C-alpha atoms as a PDB file:
ATOM      1  CA  MET A   1      26.441  -2.863 -22.924  1.00  0.00           C
ATOM      2  CA  SER A   2      24.523  -2.112 -26.139  1.00  0.00           C
ATOM      3  CA  ALA A   3      21.188  -3.640 -27.089  1.00  0.00           C
ATOM      4  CA  ALA A   4      22.925  -5.548 -29.877  1.00  0.00           C
ATOM      5  CA  SER A   5      25.207  -7.317 -27.418  1.00  0.00           C
ATOM      6  CA  ASP A   6      22.564  -7.873 -24.720  1.00  0.00           C
ATOM      7  CA  PRO A   7      19.469  -9.598 -26.090  1.00  0.00           C
ATOM      8  CA  LEU A   8      17.506  -8.628 -22.989  1.00  0.00           C
ATOM      9  CA  ALA A   9      18.264  -4.918 -23.503  1.00  0.00           C
ATOM     10  CA  LEU A  10      15.033  -4.273 -25.351  1.00  0.00           C
ATOM     11  CA  ASP A  11      13.816  -0.675 -25.544  1.00  0.00           C
ATOM     12  CA  GLU A  12      10.728  -0.504 -23.312  1.00  0.00           C
ATOM     13  CA  VAL A  13       9.402   2.524 -25.211  1.00  0.00           C
ATOM     14  CA  ILE A  14       9.581   0.830 -28.606  1.00  0.00           C
ATOM     15  CA  HIS A  15       8.780  -2.736 -27.503  1.00  0.00           C
ATOM     16  CA  ALA A  16       5.011  -2.268 -27.174  1.00  0.00           C
ATOM     17  CA  PRO A  17       3.551  -3.910 -30.311  1.00  0.00           C
ATOM     18  CA  ARG A  18       1.803  -0.804 -31.651  1.00  0.00           C
ATOM     19  CA  ARG A  19       4.828   1.431 -31.037  1.00  0.00           C
ATOM     20  CA  LEU A  20       7.082  -1.161 -32.678  1.00  0.00           C
ATOM     21  CA  ALA A  21       4.777  -1.120 -35.723  1.00  0.00           C
ATOM     22  CA  ILE A  22       4.746   2.693 -35.755  1.00  0.00           C
ATOM     23  CA  CYS A  23       8.556   2.833 -35.641  1.00  0.00           C
ATOM     24  CA  ALA A  24       8.885   0.166 -38.329  1.00  0.00           C
ATOM     25  CA  PHE A  25       6.568   2.184 -40.567  1.00  0.00           C
ATOM     26  CA  LEU A  26       8.202   5.570 -39.876  1.00  0.00           C
ATOM     27  CA  GLN A  27      11.814   4.415 -40.223  1.00  0.00           C
ATOM     28  CA  ARG A  28      11.302   4.022 -43.978  1.00  0.00           C
ATOM     29  CA  LEU A  29      10.057   7.606 -44.460  1.00  0.00           C
ATOM     30  CA  ASP A  30      11.395  11.115 -44.050  1.00  0.00           C
ATOM     31  CA  GLU A  31       8.043  12.259 -42.665  1.00  0.00           C
ATOM     32  CA  THR A  32       4.380  11.518 -43.128  1.00  0.00           C
ATOM     33  CA  GLU A  33       0.984  12.770 -42.148  1.00  0.00           C
ATOM     34  CA  PHE A  34      -0.784  11.375 -39.064  1.00  0.00           C
ATOM     35  CA  ALA A  35      -3.663   9.967 -41.137  1.00  0.00           C
ATOM     36  CA  VAL A  36      -1.253   7.994 -43.327  1.00  0.00           C
ATOM     37  CA  VAL A  37       0.160   6.214 -40.259  1.00  0.00           C
ATOM     38  CA  ARG A  38      -3.340   5.684 -38.850  1.00  0.00           C
ATOM     39  CA  ASP A  39      -4.647   4.171 -42.067  1.00  0.00           C
ATOM     40  CA  ALA A  40      -1.565   2.050 -42.791  1.00  0.00           C
ATOM     41  CA  LEU A  41      -1.570   0.512 -39.311  1.00  0.00           C
ATOM     42  CA  ARG A  42      -5.359   0.402 -38.926  1.00  0.00           C
ATOM     43  CA  ILE A  43      -5.263   2.117 -35.559  1.00  0.00           C
ATOM     44  CA  SER A  44      -7.707   4.620 -34.066  1.00  0.00           C
ATOM     45  CA  ASP A  45      -6.835   8.304 -33.831  1.00  0.00           C
ATOM     46  CA  SER A  46      -6.829   8.203 -30.038  1.00  0.00           C
ATOM     47  CA  ALA A  47      -4.608   5.104 -29.798  1.00  0.00           C
ATOM     48  CA  LEU A  48      -2.154   6.507 -32.351  1.00  0.00           C
ATOM     49  CA  SER A  49      -2.062   9.844 -30.517  1.00  0.00           C
ATOM     50  CA  LYS A  50      -1.235   8.110 -27.230  1.00  0.00           C
ATOM     51  CA  HIS A  51       1.543   6.002 -28.757  1.00  0.00           C
ATOM     52  CA  LEU A  52       3.015   8.984 -30.612  1.00  0.00           C
ATOM     53  CA  ALA A  53       2.978  10.979 -27.369  1.00  0.00           C
ATOM     54  CA  VAL A  54       5.069   8.277 -25.664  1.00  0.00           C
ATOM     55  CA  LEU A  55       7.500   8.171 -28.600  1.00  0.00           C
ATOM     56  CA  SER A  56       7.669  11.973 -28.651  1.00  0.00           C
ATOM     57  CA  GLU A  57       8.382  12.190 -24.911  1.00  0.00           C
ATOM     58  CA  ALA A  58      11.289   9.785 -25.432  1.00  0.00           C
ATOM     59  CA  GLY A  59      12.614  11.993 -28.237  1.00  0.00           C
ATOM     60  CA  TYR A  60      12.032   9.289 -30.854  1.00  0.00           C
ATOM     61  CA  VAL A  61       9.559  11.222 -33.006  1.00  0.00           C
ATOM     62  CA  VAL A  62       8.706  14.841 -33.704  1.00  0.00           C
ATOM     63  CA  LEU A  63       5.122  15.945 -34.252  1.00  0.00           C
ATOM     64  CA  GLU A  64       4.436  19.133 -36.177  1.00  0.00           C
ATOM     65  CA  LYS A  65       1.099  20.773 -36.984  1.00  0.00           C
ATOM     66  CA  ARG A  66       0.990  22.512 -40.367  1.00  0.00           C
ATOM     67  CA  ILE A  67      -1.548  23.988 -42.736  1.00  0.00           C
ATOM     68  CA  GLY A  68      -0.958  22.892 -46.300  1.00  0.00           C
ATOM     69  CA  PRO A  69      -1.394  25.157 -49.306  1.00  0.00           C
ATOM     70  CA  GLY A  70      -5.080  25.706 -50.004  1.00  0.00           C
ATOM     71  CA  GLU A  71      -6.127  23.951 -46.783  1.00  0.00           C
ATOM     72  CA  ALA A  72      -8.161  25.449 -43.979  1.00  0.00           C
ATOM     73  CA  ARG A  73      -7.132  23.135 -41.140  1.00  0.00           C
ATOM     74  CA  TYR A  74      -3.976  21.982 -39.476  1.00  0.00           C
ATOM     75  CA  ARG A  75      -2.675  18.488 -40.099  1.00  0.00           C
ATOM     76  CA  THR A  76      -0.214  16.653 -37.879  1.00  0.00           C
ATOM     77  CA  TRP A  77       3.019  15.496 -39.498  1.00  0.00           C
ATOM     78  CA  VAL A  78       5.249  12.867 -37.927  1.00  0.00           C
ATOM     79  CA  ARG A  79       8.927  12.189 -38.410  1.00  0.00           C
ATOM     80  CA  MET A  80      11.355   9.902 -36.670  1.00  0.00           C
ATOM     81  CA  THR A  81      14.380  11.577 -35.094  1.00  0.00           C
ATOM     82  CA  LEU A  82      17.966  10.370 -35.416  1.00  0.00           C
ATOM     83  CA  LEU A  83      17.727   9.199 -31.801  1.00  0.00           C
ATOM     84  CA  GLY A  84      14.533   7.305 -32.647  1.00  0.00           C
ATOM     85  CA  ARG A  85      16.103   5.681 -35.695  1.00  0.00           C
ATOM     86  CA  ALA A  86      19.130   4.567 -33.654  1.00  0.00           C
ATOM     87  CA  ALA A  87      16.903   3.250 -30.852  1.00  0.00           C
ATOM     88  CA  PHE A  88      14.796   1.322 -33.368  1.00  0.00           C
ATOM     89  CA  ARG A  89      17.913  -0.171 -35.009  1.00  0.00           C
ATOM     90  CA  ASP A  90      19.263  -1.232 -31.602  1.00  0.00           C
ATOM     91  CA  HIS A  91      15.900  -2.689 -30.589  1.00  0.00           C
ATOM     92  CA  VAL A  92      15.647  -4.722 -33.793  1.00  0.00           C
ATOM     93  CA  ALA A  93      19.235  -5.947 -33.290  1.00  0.00           C
ATOM     94  CA  ALA A  94      18.367  -7.016 -29.738  1.00  0.00           C
ATOM     95  CA  LEU A  95      15.260  -8.856 -30.992  1.00  0.00           C
ATOM     96  CA  ARG A  96      17.311 -10.626 -33.657  1.00  0.00           C
ATOM     97  CA  ALA A  97      19.933 -11.633 -31.112  1.00  0.00           C
ATOM     98  CA  LEU A  98      17.228 -12.948 -28.799  1.00  0.00           C
ATOM     99  CA  VAL A  99      15.510 -14.927 -31.573  1.00  0.00           C
ATOM    100  CA  ASP A 100      18.787 -16.261 -32.958  1.00  0.00           C
ATOM    101  CA  GLY A 101      19.978 -17.236 -29.495  1.00  0.00           C
ATOM    102  CA  VAL A 102      23.141 -15.197 -29.747  1.00  0.00           C
END
């Protein structure tokens, strides 16, 4: 049974409020830098790192360290995977079904 047809089939990985916010932010972008997510969601580096680690372990996001042109230090880039995008869509559908009483 899919999340869309079972309103109680919420994704435990995504459902945590901060991870839900992270996924909602990332699903609109191809990729973004760690600091952009941190600043947009007003979350500490350590909290964001922990939530991204959980999402990464589930295969929902990919983290990549890169040095930009003319930069001396690595920056962490984040992108949502196809699996992560599908899981987020299903989770949102399950939330809507639950709220709408379907």
